[in-house]
Protein backbone atom coordinates (compact mmCIF):
# COMPACT_ATOMS: atom_id res chain seq x y z
CA MET A 1 71.29 -68.62 86.22
CA SER A 2 69.74 -72.02 85.47
CA SER A 3 67.70 -73.11 82.46
CA LEU A 4 64.79 -74.17 84.68
CA ASP A 5 61.81 -72.08 83.60
CA PRO A 6 59.98 -70.65 86.67
CA ALA A 7 56.51 -71.27 85.22
CA ARG A 8 57.44 -74.85 84.35
CA LEU A 9 58.80 -75.36 87.87
CA ARG A 10 55.64 -74.04 89.52
CA ALA A 11 53.60 -76.44 87.40
CA LEU A 12 55.82 -79.35 88.43
CA LEU A 13 55.47 -78.45 92.11
CA ALA A 14 51.71 -78.00 91.81
CA GLU A 15 51.46 -81.59 90.54
CA THR A 16 52.85 -82.89 93.85
CA ALA A 17 51.46 -80.32 96.31
CA ASP A 18 48.94 -82.75 97.80
CA ALA A 19 51.52 -85.52 97.98
CA GLN A 20 53.97 -83.20 99.72
CA GLN A 21 51.36 -82.25 102.34
CA ALA A 22 50.54 -85.92 102.94
CA PHE A 23 54.25 -86.75 103.20
CA LEU A 24 54.74 -84.09 105.88
CA ALA A 25 51.62 -85.19 107.77
CA GLU A 26 52.92 -88.76 107.96
CA LEU A 27 56.21 -87.53 109.42
CA VAL A 28 54.42 -85.43 112.06
CA LYS A 29 52.23 -88.38 113.07
CA VAL A 30 55.22 -90.51 114.08
CA PRO A 31 56.62 -89.28 117.44
CA SER A 32 60.37 -88.66 117.57
CA ASP A 33 60.71 -86.77 120.85
CA ASN A 34 64.25 -86.21 122.05
CA PRO A 35 64.43 -86.93 124.95
CA PRO A 36 63.95 -89.84 125.16
CA GLY A 37 65.41 -90.07 121.67
CA ASP A 38 63.96 -93.32 120.33
CA CYS A 39 64.09 -92.12 116.74
CA ALA A 40 64.60 -95.30 114.69
CA PRO A 41 60.82 -95.76 114.16
CA HIS A 42 60.57 -92.31 112.59
CA ALA A 43 63.56 -93.00 110.34
CA ARG A 44 61.92 -96.26 109.28
CA ARG A 45 58.71 -94.46 108.30
CA ALA A 46 60.60 -91.66 106.55
CA ALA A 47 62.58 -94.21 104.54
CA GLU A 48 59.37 -95.97 103.50
CA LEU A 49 57.88 -92.69 102.31
CA LEU A 50 61.03 -91.76 100.39
CA GLU A 51 61.16 -95.16 98.71
CA GLY A 52 57.50 -94.73 97.79
CA LEU A 53 58.59 -91.67 95.80
CA GLY A 54 61.20 -93.70 93.94
CA PHE A 55 64.31 -92.74 95.92
CA GLU A 56 67.01 -95.19 96.98
CA VAL A 57 67.53 -94.75 100.72
CA GLU A 58 70.66 -95.63 102.69
CA ARG A 59 69.87 -96.51 106.32
CA HIS A 60 72.87 -95.86 108.56
CA VAL A 61 72.31 -97.27 112.05
CA VAL A 62 74.50 -95.56 114.65
CA PRO A 63 76.24 -98.08 116.99
CA GLN A 64 74.37 -98.49 120.25
CA ASP A 65 77.31 -97.51 122.45
CA LYS A 66 77.52 -94.12 120.73
CA VAL A 67 73.76 -93.66 120.89
CA THR A 68 73.68 -94.49 124.61
CA ALA A 69 76.63 -92.18 125.33
CA ALA A 70 74.70 -89.39 123.59
CA GLY A 71 71.75 -90.00 125.91
CA MET A 72 69.45 -91.44 123.26
CA VAL A 73 67.72 -94.78 122.64
CA SER A 74 68.06 -95.30 118.87
CA VAL A 75 69.37 -93.38 115.85
CA THR A 76 69.22 -94.31 112.18
CA ASN A 77 70.44 -91.59 109.83
CA LEU A 78 69.16 -91.57 106.26
CA ILE A 79 71.05 -90.58 103.12
CA VAL A 80 69.59 -90.28 99.62
CA ARG A 81 71.91 -89.58 96.67
CA HIS A 82 70.84 -88.60 93.17
CA ARG A 83 73.51 -88.02 90.55
CA PHE A 84 72.64 -85.82 87.58
CA GLY A 85 76.18 -85.80 86.15
CA ASP A 86 79.74 -84.78 86.89
CA GLY A 87 79.91 -81.78 89.16
CA PRO A 88 79.61 -80.59 92.75
CA VAL A 89 77.79 -82.45 95.51
CA ILE A 90 75.15 -80.34 97.28
CA ALA A 91 73.67 -81.81 100.47
CA LEU A 92 70.35 -80.85 102.03
CA ASN A 93 70.17 -81.59 105.76
CA ALA A 94 67.17 -81.64 108.09
CA HIS A 95 66.62 -83.28 111.47
CA GLY A 96 63.74 -85.54 112.44
CA ASP A 97 64.12 -85.46 116.22
CA VAL A 98 61.99 -82.92 118.05
CA VAL A 99 61.56 -81.53 121.55
CA PRO A 100 58.71 -83.12 123.58
CA PRO A 101 55.37 -81.37 122.99
CA GLY A 102 54.73 -80.11 126.52
CA GLU A 103 51.41 -78.64 127.62
CA GLY A 104 49.01 -76.06 126.20
CA TRP A 105 48.17 -77.47 122.76
CA SER A 106 44.84 -76.72 121.11
CA GLN A 107 45.55 -79.45 118.53
CA ASP A 108 46.89 -82.99 118.83
CA PRO A 109 50.71 -82.52 118.61
CA TYR A 110 50.88 -85.72 116.53
CA GLY A 111 47.68 -85.16 114.58
CA ALA A 112 48.98 -83.02 111.67
CA ALA A 113 45.63 -81.22 111.61
CA VAL A 114 45.22 -78.61 108.87
CA VAL A 115 43.16 -75.57 109.80
CA ASP A 116 42.75 -72.69 107.32
CA GLY A 117 45.83 -73.75 105.35
CA VAL A 118 48.02 -74.20 108.45
CA MET A 119 49.33 -77.57 109.63
CA TYR A 120 49.80 -78.11 113.37
CA GLY A 121 52.10 -80.60 115.08
CA ARG A 122 55.35 -81.05 116.92
CA GLY A 123 58.18 -80.80 114.41
CA VAL A 124 56.00 -79.49 111.59
CA ALA A 125 58.21 -76.38 111.45
CA VAL A 126 61.44 -77.54 113.14
CA SER A 127 62.33 -79.40 111.04
CA LYS A 128 60.18 -82.18 109.61
CA SER A 129 58.93 -79.54 107.19
CA ASP A 130 62.30 -79.55 105.47
CA PHE A 131 62.21 -83.31 104.98
CA ALA A 132 59.30 -82.36 102.72
CA THR A 133 60.92 -79.20 101.30
CA TYR A 134 64.11 -80.93 100.27
CA THR A 135 62.53 -84.22 99.12
CA PHE A 136 60.08 -82.53 96.78
CA ALA A 137 62.66 -80.05 95.52
CA LEU A 138 64.83 -82.98 94.44
CA ASP A 139 61.78 -84.76 93.03
CA ALA A 140 60.92 -81.69 90.94
CA LEU A 141 64.47 -81.47 89.60
CA LYS A 142 64.38 -85.14 88.61
CA ARG A 143 61.07 -84.68 86.76
CA SER A 144 62.13 -81.43 85.10
CA GLY A 145 64.50 -83.08 82.66
CA VAL A 146 66.80 -80.05 82.87
CA PRO A 147 70.44 -81.07 82.22
CA LEU A 148 72.41 -80.60 85.43
CA LYS A 149 75.98 -81.29 86.50
CA GLY A 150 76.47 -82.72 89.96
CA THR A 151 74.76 -84.65 92.74
CA VAL A 152 72.12 -83.82 95.32
CA GLU A 153 72.18 -85.64 98.64
CA LEU A 154 69.47 -85.67 101.30
CA HIS A 155 70.81 -86.02 104.84
CA PHE A 156 67.99 -86.77 107.28
CA THR A 157 69.45 -87.08 110.76
CA TYR A 158 68.10 -87.51 114.28
CA ASP A 159 69.97 -85.75 117.08
CA GLU A 160 69.95 -82.00 116.44
CA GLU A 161 68.09 -81.35 119.68
CA ILE A 162 71.08 -82.68 121.66
CA GLY A 163 73.87 -81.26 119.51
CA GLY A 164 74.26 -83.32 116.34
CA GLU A 165 77.24 -85.51 117.22
CA VAL A 166 75.53 -88.80 116.25
CA GLY A 167 73.72 -87.16 113.32
CA PRO A 168 75.74 -84.97 110.94
CA GLY A 169 78.80 -85.35 113.16
CA TRP A 170 78.67 -89.13 112.82
CA ILE A 171 78.01 -89.35 109.07
CA ILE A 172 80.89 -86.93 108.47
CA SER A 173 83.32 -88.71 110.82
CA GLU A 174 82.42 -92.08 109.28
CA LYS A 175 83.17 -90.61 105.83
CA LEU A 176 79.71 -91.52 104.59
CA THR A 177 79.54 -88.16 102.85
CA LYS A 178 81.77 -85.33 101.73
CA PRO A 179 79.60 -82.70 100.04
CA ASP A 180 80.96 -79.52 98.50
CA ALA A 181 78.26 -77.43 100.18
CA VAL A 182 75.22 -77.86 102.42
CA ILE A 183 71.85 -76.19 102.79
CA SER A 184 70.56 -77.02 106.25
CA ALA A 185 67.06 -76.74 107.71
CA GLY A 186 65.71 -73.23 108.15
CA PHE A 187 62.78 -71.80 110.05
CA ALA A 188 61.98 -68.40 108.53
CA TYR A 189 62.17 -66.40 105.29
CA ALA A 190 65.68 -65.14 106.06
CA VAL A 191 68.79 -67.03 104.95
CA VAL A 192 70.91 -67.78 108.01
CA VAL A 193 74.68 -67.51 107.56
CA ALA A 194 75.78 -67.30 111.21
CA HIS A 195 74.65 -68.50 114.60
CA ASN A 196 75.85 -68.71 118.17
CA GLY A 197 77.90 -71.44 119.69
CA CYS A 198 77.06 -72.94 123.05
CA LEU A 199 78.92 -74.18 126.12
CA HIS A 200 77.19 -76.52 128.57
CA LEU A 201 78.94 -77.17 131.86
CA GLU A 202 78.00 -79.42 134.78
CA VAL A 203 79.19 -77.91 138.05
CA GLU A 204 79.31 -80.00 141.24
CA VAL A 205 79.90 -77.99 144.40
CA LYS A 206 81.02 -80.25 147.26
CA GLY A 207 80.85 -79.69 150.99
CA LYS A 208 80.30 -81.91 154.05
CA SER A 209 76.99 -83.12 155.45
CA ALA A 210 75.95 -82.42 159.05
CA HIS A 211 72.85 -82.51 161.22
CA ALA A 212 70.66 -79.46 160.66
CA ALA A 213 70.78 -78.83 164.41
CA LEU A 214 74.56 -78.42 164.16
CA PRO A 215 75.18 -76.83 160.76
CA HIS A 216 78.54 -75.41 161.85
CA THR A 217 79.95 -78.96 161.95
CA GLY A 218 79.48 -79.37 158.22
CA ILE A 219 80.32 -77.47 155.05
CA ASP A 220 77.15 -76.24 153.42
CA ALA A 221 77.40 -76.95 149.68
CA LEU A 222 74.29 -74.91 149.00
CA ALA A 223 75.73 -71.87 150.74
CA ALA A 224 78.84 -72.25 148.60
CA THR A 225 76.65 -72.60 145.52
CA THR A 226 74.96 -69.27 146.27
CA LYS A 227 78.40 -67.70 145.83
CA VAL A 228 78.59 -69.33 142.41
CA LEU A 229 75.11 -68.11 141.44
CA GLU A 230 75.86 -64.56 142.57
CA ALA A 231 79.03 -64.58 140.48
CA ILE A 232 77.24 -65.99 137.41
CA TYR A 233 74.41 -63.46 137.53
CA ALA A 234 76.79 -60.56 138.05
CA TYR A 235 78.79 -61.86 135.07
CA ARG A 236 75.58 -62.09 133.00
CA ASP A 237 74.96 -58.40 133.55
CA THR A 238 78.40 -57.57 132.13
CA LEU A 239 77.71 -59.54 128.94
CA LYS A 240 75.09 -57.00 127.84
CA ALA A 241 77.88 -54.60 126.91
CA THR A 242 79.10 -56.96 124.17
CA VAL A 243 76.94 -56.98 121.04
CA SER A 244 77.74 -58.98 117.93
CA PRO A 245 77.99 -56.92 114.73
CA THR A 246 76.17 -59.79 112.96
CA LYS A 247 72.49 -58.94 112.55
CA GLY A 248 70.24 -61.17 114.66
CA ILE A 249 72.90 -62.49 117.03
CA GLY A 250 72.77 -59.99 119.90
CA SER A 251 74.85 -60.41 123.06
CA PRO A 252 76.40 -63.46 124.74
CA GLN A 253 74.13 -65.08 127.34
CA ILE A 254 74.51 -67.34 130.36
CA THR A 255 71.73 -69.27 132.08
CA VAL A 256 71.63 -71.77 134.94
CA GLY A 257 69.01 -74.22 133.75
CA LEU A 258 69.17 -77.11 136.24
CA ILE A 259 69.94 -77.38 139.97
CA SER A 260 69.78 -80.50 142.15
CA GLY A 261 71.25 -81.73 145.41
CA GLY A 262 70.85 -82.21 149.11
CA ILE A 263 70.11 -85.31 151.21
CA ASN A 264 67.11 -84.44 153.35
CA THR A 265 65.35 -81.48 154.90
CA ASN A 266 67.21 -81.92 158.20
CA VAL A 267 70.69 -82.40 156.72
CA VAL A 268 73.25 -79.80 155.65
CA PRO A 269 73.67 -80.51 151.90
CA ASP A 270 76.98 -82.12 151.03
CA ARG A 271 76.79 -81.50 147.28
CA ILE A 272 74.87 -79.39 144.80
CA THR A 273 74.94 -79.91 141.04
CA LEU A 274 73.97 -77.33 138.50
CA ARG A 275 74.09 -77.15 134.73
CA LEU A 276 74.64 -73.93 132.85
CA ASP A 277 74.32 -72.76 129.27
CA ARG A 278 76.69 -70.08 127.92
CA ARG A 279 75.86 -68.81 124.42
CA ILE A 280 78.96 -67.86 122.42
CA ILE A 281 78.70 -65.20 119.71
CA PRO A 282 80.66 -65.70 116.46
CA GLN A 283 83.24 -63.09 117.46
CA GLU A 284 84.25 -65.03 120.62
CA GLN A 285 86.74 -67.89 120.95
CA PRO A 286 85.00 -70.91 122.54
CA GLU A 287 88.03 -72.14 124.50
CA ALA A 288 88.61 -68.68 125.95
CA VAL A 289 84.95 -68.47 126.98
CA GLU A 290 85.15 -71.87 128.69
CA ALA A 291 88.30 -70.88 130.58
CA GLU A 292 86.68 -67.60 131.67
CA VAL A 293 83.54 -69.28 133.03
CA LYS A 294 85.50 -71.99 134.83
CA MET A 295 87.74 -69.43 136.48
CA LEU A 296 84.70 -67.45 137.59
CA ILE A 297 83.16 -70.53 139.25
CA GLU A 298 86.37 -71.73 140.86
CA LYS A 299 87.02 -68.30 142.34
CA ALA A 300 83.50 -68.14 143.77
CA VAL A 301 83.78 -71.56 145.42
CA ALA A 302 87.22 -70.74 146.80
CA SER A 303 85.63 -67.84 148.70
CA TYR A 304 83.63 -70.32 150.81
CA PRO A 305 85.98 -72.11 153.29
CA GLY A 306 86.15 -75.87 152.90
CA ALA A 307 84.06 -76.16 149.74
CA SER A 308 85.42 -77.58 146.49
CA VAL A 309 84.16 -77.90 142.95
CA ASP A 310 84.33 -80.23 139.95
CA ILE A 311 83.46 -78.82 136.52
CA ARG A 312 82.69 -81.06 133.56
CA ARG A 313 82.10 -80.00 129.98
CA ILE A 314 78.89 -81.46 128.55
CA LEU A 315 78.90 -79.65 125.20
CA LEU A 316 81.03 -77.18 123.31
CA ALA A 317 79.27 -76.21 120.08
CA ARG A 318 81.22 -73.74 118.00
CA PRO A 319 79.55 -70.71 116.41
CA LEU A 320 78.68 -70.82 112.72
CA VAL A 321 80.75 -68.23 110.87
CA PRO A 322 80.22 -67.54 107.14
CA ASP A 323 82.93 -67.98 104.52
CA ALA A 324 83.13 -66.79 100.91
CA GLU A 325 81.38 -69.86 99.46
CA SER A 326 78.56 -69.90 102.00
CA GLU A 327 77.99 -66.20 101.33
CA ARG A 328 77.85 -66.91 97.57
CA ILE A 329 75.22 -69.62 98.08
CA ALA A 330 73.33 -67.38 100.49
CA GLY A 331 73.26 -64.67 97.83
CA ILE A 332 71.69 -67.09 95.33
CA LEU A 333 69.12 -68.20 97.89
CA CYS A 334 68.27 -64.60 98.80
CA ARG A 335 67.78 -63.61 95.18
CA ASN A 336 65.57 -66.60 94.43
CA ALA A 337 63.61 -66.22 97.68
CA SER A 338 63.03 -62.52 97.01
CA GLU A 339 61.66 -63.31 93.56
CA VAL A 340 59.46 -66.17 94.76
CA VAL A 341 58.17 -64.55 97.96
CA GLY A 342 57.75 -61.12 96.43
CA GLU A 343 59.60 -59.22 99.13
CA SER A 344 63.21 -58.62 100.04
CA VAL A 345 64.77 -61.68 101.69
CA LEU A 346 68.14 -61.03 103.33
CA THR A 347 70.77 -62.90 105.32
CA ASN A 348 71.06 -62.73 109.07
CA GLY A 349 72.31 -64.58 112.13
CA VAL A 350 70.34 -66.27 114.90
CA PRO A 351 71.14 -66.52 118.62
CA LEU A 352 70.49 -70.26 118.85
CA TYR A 353 72.82 -72.99 117.62
CA THR A 354 72.24 -75.88 115.21
CA ASP A 355 73.93 -79.03 113.94
CA ALA A 356 74.76 -77.16 110.71
CA ARG A 357 77.92 -76.02 112.48
CA LEU A 358 79.32 -79.56 112.23
CA TYR A 359 79.52 -79.29 108.45
CA ALA A 360 81.32 -75.96 108.80
CA GLU A 361 83.75 -77.48 111.31
CA ALA A 362 84.55 -80.12 108.67
CA GLY A 363 85.37 -77.36 106.19
CA ILE A 364 82.10 -77.60 104.25
CA PRO A 365 80.31 -74.31 103.44
CA VAL A 366 76.80 -74.30 104.93
CA VAL A 367 73.81 -71.96 105.06
CA LEU A 368 70.37 -72.44 106.63
CA TYR A 369 67.19 -72.06 104.61
CA GLY A 370 63.89 -73.90 104.51
CA ALA A 371 60.17 -73.71 105.10
CA GLY A 372 58.98 -71.19 107.65
CA PRO A 373 57.22 -67.86 108.21
CA ARG A 374 58.86 -64.47 108.52
CA THR A 375 60.13 -65.26 112.05
CA ILE A 376 60.61 -68.46 114.05
CA GLU A 377 58.33 -67.00 116.73
CA GLU A 378 55.42 -67.07 114.28
CA ALA A 379 55.91 -70.82 113.85
CA ASN A 380 55.75 -71.52 117.62
CA GLY A 381 58.96 -73.52 117.29
CA HIS A 382 59.62 -75.50 120.50
CA ARG A 383 56.29 -74.22 121.88
CA ALA A 384 52.69 -75.41 122.01
CA ASP A 385 50.73 -75.30 118.73
CA GLU A 386 53.81 -75.45 116.52
CA LYS A 387 52.55 -74.69 113.03
CA LEU A 388 53.44 -74.16 109.39
CA ARG A 389 51.53 -72.38 106.66
CA LEU A 390 51.40 -74.81 103.77
CA SER A 391 51.85 -71.87 101.41
CA ASP A 392 55.26 -71.26 103.04
CA LEU A 393 56.17 -74.90 102.45
CA ARG A 394 55.42 -74.48 98.74
CA LEU A 395 57.35 -71.20 98.51
CA ALA A 396 60.44 -72.67 100.20
CA THR A 397 60.34 -75.75 97.96
CA GLU A 398 60.33 -73.54 94.88
CA VAL A 399 63.24 -71.46 96.23
CA VAL A 400 65.33 -74.52 97.04
CA THR A 401 64.61 -76.14 93.67
CA ARG A 402 65.60 -73.00 91.78
CA THR A 403 68.76 -72.65 93.84
CA LEU A 404 69.81 -76.27 93.29
CA ALA A 405 69.23 -75.89 89.56
CA GLU A 406 71.44 -72.80 89.54
CA LEU A 407 74.21 -74.40 91.63
CA LEU A 408 74.26 -77.45 89.36
CA ALA A 409 73.72 -75.65 86.04
C-alpha cells in the first residue's frame, strides 16, 4: 500500500477537475482521423497543453518513409518523463489517432460539447480521454509531495488505429524507452489483461479477361473468388466450436471486409482483390493460423481451372497474453478501482486488439485500464456520438494515481 491518503488525493484531483475537462476538450477539438493519418498537428497541440501544465515534452518525429509505408501522412510521438527517485519505470500509454467520425452524430464530433455531465466527440473515449487520465494522475502525484521511488513516463502515440508499428513499436525499436511495466489506454471499468491478435491478408485472385459475349475464352477471376468466399464462410462456421477460456474473448472470427476488381461491365474480370480479417484468440499460434488460412484459400482457387492466387500479409498482430507481473499490476488496479468505484472491478479479455501488445512482445508487462463506462458499447467507441461521462474520467484518474503511488511506494 502507498502512503497517499485517499481523502488528500481526492482533494488534489478536485483542484484540477475543471482544468482536466478543458484539457480533454482541446484534444477532442483537434482532428486526428486515421485515415488519413495526418496526426502531427494534434501532437503539437497536445505538447503545448502538456507544457502549459509544467511538463517537459519530448517530440519524436517518425521518419517520413516509415510514416508513408504505414499509410499515414505525419506522426510525432510524445514522451514525458518525471523521475521521483531510484526505482522502476512505469509508462502510461494512450493513442491520439482516431477513426473518422462517419455519419449519424447528434453533436459536432469535434465540438467537445458537454451535455448533462457527458462529453461528446470523436476520440473522447478511445483514447484521448486517457491523455487526460494519465496526465492529471501524474500531475496529482507531483503535487502530493508523497516520497516515491521510480519514474513515470507518458507515452502519447498516434497510430493505434492501424496497428501501432510507428507508435509504440517505433519508440521501443528506437530504444527511446524501456519501462519496467505499462498501463495502456482502457475503455471500461474492467482491467484488461488479454486480447485477441489479428491477421490481415490481401488476396488477389487472377484469371484472364475476355469479351462478355465469349466468357468461355477467358478465366473468370470472380467465379474463382466465389470458391474462396464459400470456403471462408464455411470455415467461419467451424470457428464457433472453439471458445477461449479467457473471459470476454469468445471465439476466433474471420471477415472479408473489402472486395474490388473487374475491368468493365462487358468484360470477364481478370483479377479480384479482397482483404480479410482473422481474429486470433490468445490460445492460438499466429503463424499456424496464417498457414491454415492461406492453405484454405489456395485450395479453393486450385479447384477453379486456370485461376491463380497471390496472398500478401498486411498485418500480423499477436494476442496479448498475461504474465505474472501484469497479473500483479492488474490485481492492484482492480483493488483500487473497486474501492474508488464502489463495486467489484475484475479482470477480463476483449475480442479486439490494441497496440499494447507491442510492449508485451518486447517483454514488458502491460495491462489496459483507463477512463470509460462499464462497457465499451456504452461509450459508443468507433460509432456516432462517442461519449464519456466526466465522472468516469475523474474515477479513473483517482484509480491510476493510487495505483502509481502503490507501484512506486
